[in-house]
Amino acid sequence: MISLSSHVLDTTSGTPVADMPVTLTAPDGNQVTTVTNCDGRCKDWPGITFTAGTYHIRFACKDYLLARHGQSFYPHVDIHFEMTEDGGHYHVPLLISPFGFSSYRGS
């Protein structure tokens, strides 16, 4: 079984980012948009059935960065990643600041 979660952290303030829109696109083109919870996490992707393939997450970070820091170099951050049938749980965190971001496969 494949599952997916994500987490957005503001590296400037050291805090989770709540209410950031996150859009997941599945290999078949099916999309769902959700928002991060009060701890900056999202794990519910209504309408998506996970199968092996290449996925795309778009984090809409501009509004948050402008409101919190007054500037944003990135209107959004796109992360493409591949999930395999035997991959188990995938966690895709985003570390964001007004002028930089980082991501990795978490646990």
N, C-alpha and C. Protein backbone atom coordinates (compact mmCIF):
# COMPACT_ATOMS: atom_id res chain seq x y z
N MET A 1 0.84 -1.19 0.00
CA MET A 1 0.00 0.00 0.00
C MET A 1 0.89 1.25 0.00
N ILE A 2 0.52 2.23 -0.82
CA ILE A 2 1.25 3.49 -0.91
C ILE A 2 0.45 4.56 -0.18
N SER A 3 1.14 5.39 0.60
CA SER A 3 0.50 6.53 1.25
C SER A 3 1.43 7.74 1.13
N LEU A 4 0.85 8.93 1.34
CA LEU A 4 1.60 10.17 1.15
C LEU A 4 1.21 11.19 2.20
N SER A 5 2.21 11.86 2.74
CA SER A 5 1.98 13.01 3.62
C SER A 5 2.97 14.10 3.24
N SER A 6 2.69 15.32 3.72
CA SER A 6 3.58 16.43 3.48
C SER A 6 3.59 17.34 4.70
N HIS A 7 4.57 18.21 4.77
CA HIS A 7 4.75 19.10 5.92
C HIS A 7 5.46 20.34 5.41
N VAL A 8 4.97 21.53 5.77
CA VAL A 8 5.60 22.77 5.35
C VAL A 8 6.09 23.51 6.59
N LEU A 9 7.38 23.83 6.57
CA LEU A 9 7.99 24.57 7.68
C LEU A 9 8.63 25.85 7.16
N ASP A 10 8.44 26.93 7.89
CA ASP A 10 9.05 28.21 7.58
C ASP A 10 10.41 28.23 8.28
N THR A 11 11.49 28.19 7.51
CA THR A 11 12.82 28.11 8.12
C THR A 11 13.29 29.46 8.67
N THR A 12 12.65 30.55 8.28
CA THR A 12 13.01 31.86 8.82
C THR A 12 12.50 32.00 10.25
N SER A 13 11.26 31.58 10.47
CA SER A 13 10.66 31.70 11.81
C SER A 13 10.77 30.41 12.62
N GLY A 14 11.08 29.30 11.94
CA GLY A 14 11.15 28.02 12.63
C GLY A 14 9.79 27.47 13.03
N THR A 15 8.76 27.83 12.27
CA THR A 15 7.41 27.41 12.62
C THR A 15 6.72 26.70 11.45
N PRO A 16 5.72 25.86 11.77
CA PRO A 16 4.93 25.23 10.70
C PRO A 16 4.08 26.27 9.98
N VAL A 17 3.76 25.98 8.73
CA VAL A 17 2.95 26.89 7.92
C VAL A 17 1.54 26.31 7.79
N ALA A 18 0.59 26.97 8.43
CA ALA A 18 -0.80 26.53 8.38
C ALA A 18 -1.53 27.19 7.21
N ASP A 19 -2.53 26.51 6.70
CA ASP A 19 -3.45 27.03 5.68
C ASP A 19 -2.80 27.34 4.33
N MET A 20 -1.70 26.69 4.02
CA MET A 20 -1.10 26.87 2.69
C MET A 20 -1.78 25.90 1.71
N PRO A 21 -2.29 26.40 0.59
CA PRO A 21 -2.87 25.51 -0.41
C PRO A 21 -1.80 24.59 -1.02
N VAL A 22 -2.16 23.32 -1.13
CA VAL A 22 -1.27 22.31 -1.70
C VAL A 22 -2.08 21.51 -2.72
N THR A 23 -1.59 21.45 -3.95
CA THR A 23 -2.28 20.70 -5.00
C THR A 23 -1.44 19.50 -5.39
N LEU A 24 -2.06 18.33 -5.34
CA LEU A 24 -1.41 17.08 -5.74
C LEU A 24 -1.99 16.66 -7.09
N THR A 25 -1.09 16.34 -8.02
CA THR A 25 -1.50 15.80 -9.31
C THR A 25 -0.97 14.38 -9.41
N ALA A 26 -1.86 13.43 -9.67
CA ALA A 26 -1.52 12.01 -9.80
C ALA A 26 -1.06 11.72 -11.24
N PRO A 27 -0.45 10.58 -11.46
CA PRO A 27 0.01 10.22 -12.81
C PRO A 27 -1.10 10.22 -13.87
N ASP A 28 -2.33 9.94 -13.45
CA ASP A 28 -3.45 9.92 -14.41
C ASP A 28 -4.04 11.31 -14.66
N GLY A 29 -3.45 12.35 -14.05
CA GLY A 29 -3.93 13.71 -14.24
C GLY A 29 -4.95 14.16 -13.21
N ASN A 30 -5.44 13.23 -12.39
CA ASN A 30 -6.38 13.58 -11.33
C ASN A 30 -5.71 14.54 -10.35
N GLN A 31 -6.43 15.60 -9.95
CA GLN A 31 -5.87 16.59 -9.03
C GLN A 31 -6.77 16.78 -7.83
N VAL A 32 -6.13 17.13 -6.71
CA VAL A 32 -6.86 17.51 -5.51
C VAL A 32 -6.08 18.64 -4.84
N THR A 33 -6.82 19.64 -4.35
CA THR A 33 -6.19 20.72 -3.61
C THR A 33 -6.68 20.66 -2.18
N THR A 34 -5.76 20.77 -1.26
CA THR A 34 -6.06 20.77 0.17
C THR A 34 -5.25 21.90 0.78
N VAL A 35 -5.32 22.07 2.08
CA VAL A 35 -4.51 23.07 2.78
C VAL A 35 -3.82 22.41 3.95
N THR A 36 -2.67 22.95 4.32
CA THR A 36 -1.95 22.41 5.47
C THR A 36 -2.74 22.72 6.74
N ASN A 37 -2.62 21.81 7.72
CA ASN A 37 -3.34 22.01 8.98
C ASN A 37 -2.55 22.95 9.90
N CYS A 38 -2.97 23.10 11.14
CA CYS A 38 -2.33 24.05 12.06
C CYS A 38 -0.89 23.67 12.37
N ASP A 39 -0.51 22.42 12.10
CA ASP A 39 0.87 21.98 12.31
C ASP A 39 1.66 21.95 10.99
N GLY A 40 1.07 22.54 9.93
CA GLY A 40 1.74 22.60 8.64
C GLY A 40 1.72 21.31 7.86
N ARG A 41 0.87 20.37 8.25
CA ARG A 41 0.85 19.04 7.64
C ARG A 41 -0.38 18.82 6.77
N CYS A 42 -0.24 17.95 5.78
CA CYS A 42 -1.39 17.46 5.03
C CYS A 42 -1.15 15.99 4.71
N LYS A 43 -2.18 15.21 4.92
CA LYS A 43 -2.08 13.78 4.66
C LYS A 43 -3.34 13.20 4.02
N ASP A 44 -4.37 14.03 3.87
CA ASP A 44 -5.62 13.56 3.26
C ASP A 44 -5.70 14.12 1.84
N TRP A 45 -5.85 13.23 0.90
CA TRP A 45 -5.89 13.59 -0.52
C TRP A 45 -7.17 13.01 -1.13
N PRO A 46 -8.34 13.60 -0.87
CA PRO A 46 -9.62 13.05 -1.32
C PRO A 46 -9.65 12.83 -2.83
N GLY A 47 -10.12 11.66 -3.20
CA GLY A 47 -10.28 11.34 -4.62
C GLY A 47 -9.05 10.76 -5.28
N ILE A 48 -7.92 10.70 -4.57
CA ILE A 48 -6.69 10.15 -5.14
C ILE A 48 -6.49 8.73 -4.64
N THR A 49 -6.32 7.80 -5.56
CA THR A 49 -5.93 6.44 -5.23
C THR A 49 -4.49 6.28 -5.64
N PHE A 50 -3.63 5.99 -4.69
CA PHE A 50 -2.20 5.95 -4.97
C PHE A 50 -1.79 4.66 -5.66
N THR A 51 -1.12 4.84 -6.79
CA THR A 51 -0.52 3.75 -7.55
C THR A 51 0.90 4.19 -7.89
N ALA A 52 1.69 3.27 -8.40
CA ALA A 52 3.05 3.62 -8.79
C ALA A 52 3.02 4.66 -9.92
N GLY A 53 3.96 5.59 -9.87
CA GLY A 53 4.05 6.59 -10.93
C GLY A 53 4.66 7.89 -10.44
N THR A 54 4.69 8.87 -11.33
CA THR A 54 5.26 10.18 -11.03
C THR A 54 4.15 11.13 -10.61
N TYR A 55 4.34 11.75 -9.46
CA TYR A 55 3.38 12.67 -8.88
C TYR A 55 3.97 14.08 -8.86
N HIS A 56 3.09 15.05 -8.67
CA HIS A 56 3.49 16.45 -8.65
C HIS A 56 2.74 17.14 -7.51
N ILE A 57 3.49 17.79 -6.62
CA ILE A 57 2.87 18.61 -5.59
C ILE A 57 3.24 20.06 -5.86
N ARG A 58 2.22 20.92 -5.84
CA ARG A 58 2.45 22.37 -5.96
C ARG A 58 2.05 23.02 -4.64
N PHE A 59 3.01 23.70 -4.03
CA PHE A 59 2.79 24.45 -2.80
C PHE A 59 2.61 25.92 -3.20
N ALA A 60 1.45 26.50 -2.92
CA ALA A 60 1.17 27.89 -3.25
C ALA A 60 1.67 28.76 -2.10
N CYS A 61 2.92 29.17 -2.16
CA CYS A 61 3.58 29.82 -1.02
C CYS A 61 3.61 31.34 -1.05
N LYS A 62 3.31 31.96 -2.17
CA LYS A 62 3.47 33.41 -2.30
C LYS A 62 2.66 34.20 -1.26
N ASP A 63 1.38 33.91 -1.13
CA ASP A 63 0.54 34.66 -0.19
C ASP A 63 1.07 34.55 1.23
N TYR A 64 1.47 33.35 1.62
CA TYR A 64 2.01 33.16 2.97
C TYR A 64 3.29 33.99 3.16
N LEU A 65 4.22 33.87 2.22
CA LEU A 65 5.50 34.56 2.36
C LEU A 65 5.33 36.08 2.36
N LEU A 66 4.45 36.59 1.51
CA LEU A 66 4.20 38.03 1.51
C LEU A 66 3.59 38.49 2.83
N ALA A 67 2.62 37.75 3.34
CA ALA A 67 1.97 38.12 4.59
C ALA A 67 2.92 38.03 5.78
N ARG A 68 3.75 37.01 5.78
CA ARG A 68 4.62 36.77 6.94
C ARG A 68 5.95 37.53 6.87
N HIS A 69 6.51 37.65 5.66
CA HIS A 69 7.85 38.23 5.51
C HIS A 69 7.92 39.46 4.61
N GLY A 70 6.80 39.80 3.96
CA GLY A 70 6.78 40.99 3.12
C GLY A 70 7.39 40.83 1.75
N GLN A 71 7.90 39.64 1.44
CA GLN A 71 8.49 39.39 0.13
C GLN A 71 8.45 37.90 -0.19
N SER A 72 8.44 37.62 -1.48
CA SER A 72 8.43 36.23 -1.93
C SER A 72 9.05 36.14 -3.31
N PHE A 73 10.13 35.42 -3.43
CA PHE A 73 10.74 35.18 -4.73
C PHE A 73 9.97 34.12 -5.49
N TYR A 74 9.32 33.22 -4.77
CA TYR A 74 8.62 32.08 -5.36
C TYR A 74 7.11 32.25 -5.27
N PRO A 75 6.39 32.27 -6.40
CA PRO A 75 4.93 32.28 -6.33
C PRO A 75 4.39 30.91 -5.89
N HIS A 76 5.13 29.87 -6.26
CA HIS A 76 4.79 28.50 -5.84
C HIS A 76 6.05 27.65 -5.95
N VAL A 77 6.00 26.50 -5.30
CA VAL A 77 7.10 25.54 -5.39
C VAL A 77 6.50 24.24 -5.91
N ASP A 78 7.08 23.72 -6.99
CA ASP A 78 6.64 22.46 -7.58
C ASP A 78 7.66 21.37 -7.26
N ILE A 79 7.16 20.24 -6.81
CA ILE A 79 8.02 19.09 -6.54
C ILE A 79 7.44 17.89 -7.27
N HIS A 80 8.24 17.30 -8.13
CA HIS A 80 7.87 16.09 -8.86
C HIS A 80 8.63 14.94 -8.22
N PHE A 81 7.97 13.83 -8.00
CA PHE A 81 8.62 12.69 -7.37
C PHE A 81 7.94 11.41 -7.84
N GLU A 82 8.67 10.32 -7.70
CA GLU A 82 8.16 9.02 -8.17
C GLU A 82 7.90 8.10 -6.99
N MET A 83 6.71 7.49 -7.01
CA MET A 83 6.36 6.51 -6.00
C MET A 83 6.32 5.14 -6.67
N THR A 84 6.85 4.13 -5.99
CA THR A 84 6.85 2.77 -6.52
C THR A 84 5.83 1.93 -5.79
N GLU A 85 5.42 0.86 -6.41
CA GLU A 85 4.38 0.00 -5.85
C GLU A 85 4.73 -0.51 -4.46
N ASP A 86 6.00 -0.78 -4.22
CA ASP A 86 6.42 -1.30 -2.91
C ASP A 86 7.06 -0.21 -2.04
N GLY A 87 6.79 1.05 -2.36
CA GLY A 87 7.45 2.17 -1.68
C GLY A 87 6.94 2.47 -0.29
N GLY A 88 5.76 1.95 0.07
CA GLY A 88 5.22 2.20 1.39
C GLY A 88 4.77 3.64 1.56
N HIS A 89 5.17 4.23 2.68
CA HIS A 89 4.76 5.60 2.97
C HIS A 89 5.79 6.59 2.42
N TYR A 90 5.28 7.62 1.77
CA TYR A 90 6.12 8.71 1.26
C TYR A 90 5.78 9.97 2.04
N HIS A 91 6.81 10.70 2.43
CA HIS A 91 6.63 11.98 3.11
C HIS A 91 7.47 13.01 2.37
N VAL A 92 6.81 14.08 1.89
CA VAL A 92 7.48 15.10 1.11
C VAL A 92 7.38 16.43 1.86
N PRO A 93 8.39 16.76 2.67
CA PRO A 93 8.38 18.02 3.39
C PRO A 93 8.91 19.16 2.53
N LEU A 94 8.46 20.37 2.84
CA LEU A 94 8.96 21.57 2.19
C LEU A 94 9.46 22.51 3.27
N LEU A 95 10.70 22.93 3.16
CA LEU A 95 11.27 23.95 4.02
C LEU A 95 11.34 25.22 3.18
N ILE A 96 10.69 26.29 3.65
CA ILE A 96 10.52 27.47 2.82
C ILE A 96 10.96 28.74 3.55
N SER A 97 11.50 29.67 2.78
CA SER A 97 11.79 31.02 3.25
C SER A 97 11.56 31.95 2.05
N PRO A 98 11.59 33.27 2.23
CA PRO A 98 11.28 34.15 1.11
C PRO A 98 12.20 33.96 -0.11
N PHE A 99 13.43 33.49 0.11
CA PHE A 99 14.37 33.39 -1.01
C PHE A 99 15.01 32.02 -1.15
N GLY A 100 14.40 31.00 -0.58
CA GLY A 100 14.96 29.66 -0.72
C GLY A 100 13.97 28.60 -0.28
N PHE A 101 14.20 27.38 -0.77
CA PHE A 101 13.39 26.24 -0.31
C PHE A 101 14.21 24.98 -0.45
N SER A 102 13.78 23.95 0.25
CA SER A 102 14.43 22.65 0.21
C SER A 102 13.38 21.59 0.44
N SER A 103 13.63 20.41 -0.10
CA SER A 103 12.75 19.28 0.13
C SER A 103 13.57 18.00 0.09
N TYR A 104 13.00 16.95 0.61
CA TYR A 104 13.66 15.65 0.65
C TYR A 104 12.61 14.59 0.90
N ARG A 105 12.97 13.33 0.77
CA ARG A 105 12.03 12.27 1.11
C ARG A 105 12.17 12.00 2.61
N GLY A 106 11.16 12.35 3.35
CA GLY A 106 11.15 12.14 4.79
C GLY A 106 10.57 10.79 5.14
N SER A 107 10.28 10.64 6.41
CA SER A 107 9.73 9.35 6.87
C SER A 107 8.42 9.57 7.59
